[in-house]
Protein backbone atom coordinates (compact mmCIF):
# COMPACT_ATOMS: atom_id res chain seq x y z
CA MET A 1 -19.56 -7.88 -23.36
CA PRO A 2 -19.38 -6.11 -20.07
CA THR A 3 -16.96 -2.77 -20.79
CA PRO A 4 -14.01 -2.45 -18.70
CA THR A 5 -15.60 0.34 -16.57
CA THR A 6 -18.91 -1.67 -15.60
CA GLU A 7 -16.38 -4.82 -14.34
CA ASN A 8 -14.70 -2.29 -12.47
CA TYR A 9 -18.05 -1.40 -10.79
CA LEU A 10 -18.95 -4.60 -10.52
CA LYS A 11 -15.88 -5.90 -9.12
CA ALA A 12 -16.15 -2.85 -6.16
CA LEU A 13 -19.68 -4.10 -5.44
CA PHE A 14 -18.33 -8.34 -4.54
CA HIS A 15 -15.70 -6.99 -2.55
CA LEU A 16 -17.43 -4.01 -0.86
CA ALA A 17 -20.19 -6.09 0.16
CA ASP A 18 -21.06 -6.51 3.47
CA GLU A 19 -22.70 -9.97 5.09
CA ALA A 20 -26.15 -9.47 3.92
CA GLY A 21 -24.50 -8.98 0.26
CA ASN A 22 -25.21 -5.10 0.36
CA THR A 23 -23.32 -1.88 -0.24
CA THR A 24 -24.19 1.86 0.10
CA LEU A 25 -23.26 4.10 -2.59
CA THR A 26 -20.55 6.23 -0.87
CA ASP A 27 -18.53 3.02 -0.07
CA LEU A 28 -18.88 2.30 -3.60
CA ALA A 29 -18.25 6.11 -4.77
CA LYS A 30 -14.53 6.26 -2.32
CA SER A 31 -13.76 2.81 -3.34
CA LEU A 32 -13.70 4.00 -7.30
CA GLU A 33 -12.57 6.99 -6.50
CA VAL A 34 -14.96 9.24 -8.57
CA SER A 35 -18.17 11.50 -7.30
CA ALA A 36 -21.30 10.09 -6.29
CA PRO A 37 -23.45 11.41 -8.91
CA THR A 38 -20.79 9.52 -11.12
CA ALA A 39 -21.68 6.48 -9.04
CA ASN A 40 -25.14 7.27 -8.79
CA SER A 41 -25.26 7.56 -12.95
CA MET A 42 -23.86 3.87 -13.21
CA ILE A 43 -25.91 2.36 -10.84
CA LYS A 44 -28.63 2.46 -13.00
CA LYS A 45 -27.23 1.64 -15.29
CA LEU A 46 -26.40 -1.22 -13.68
CA LYS A 47 -30.22 -1.70 -12.58
CA ALA A 48 -31.70 -1.02 -15.97
CA ARG A 49 -29.17 -4.16 -17.00
CA GLY A 50 -30.28 -6.59 -13.77
CA LEU A 51 -27.39 -6.49 -12.94
CA VAL A 52 -27.82 -4.97 -9.34
CA ASN A 53 -30.84 -4.64 -7.41
CA HIS A 54 -31.40 -0.75 -5.91
CA GLN A 55 -33.75 1.40 -4.53
CA LYS A 56 -33.41 5.41 -3.70
CA TYR A 57 -31.53 5.62 -0.50
CA GLN A 58 -31.22 1.98 0.18
CA PRO A 59 -27.84 0.03 0.00
CA ILE A 60 -27.16 -1.51 -3.34
CA GLU A 61 -27.13 -5.14 -3.87
CA LEU A 62 -25.67 -7.76 -7.22
CA THR A 63 -28.19 -10.06 -8.84
CA ASP A 64 -27.06 -13.40 -9.46
CA SER A 65 -26.26 -12.10 -13.09
CA GLY A 66 -24.27 -9.60 -11.69
C-alpha cells in the first residue's frame, strides 16, 4: 500500500507528464513545493519499487505499474 507521499508524487508525475509521458525533476519539485534533492530522493525510491523510469539528467517517466 503506497503512502500518501508516494501517492502525491505519482499523481504529480501523471499530471505533469508531457505528450511523451515524461516530466523533469525540476518541474516535479516545483509542483510539489519541495527541493530538488528531496524530489530526487523520492524518485530513487520510486524507481527501486519499479514505479518510474529515470536516468540521471533525463526526464522521469511513469511505468505501467506507476
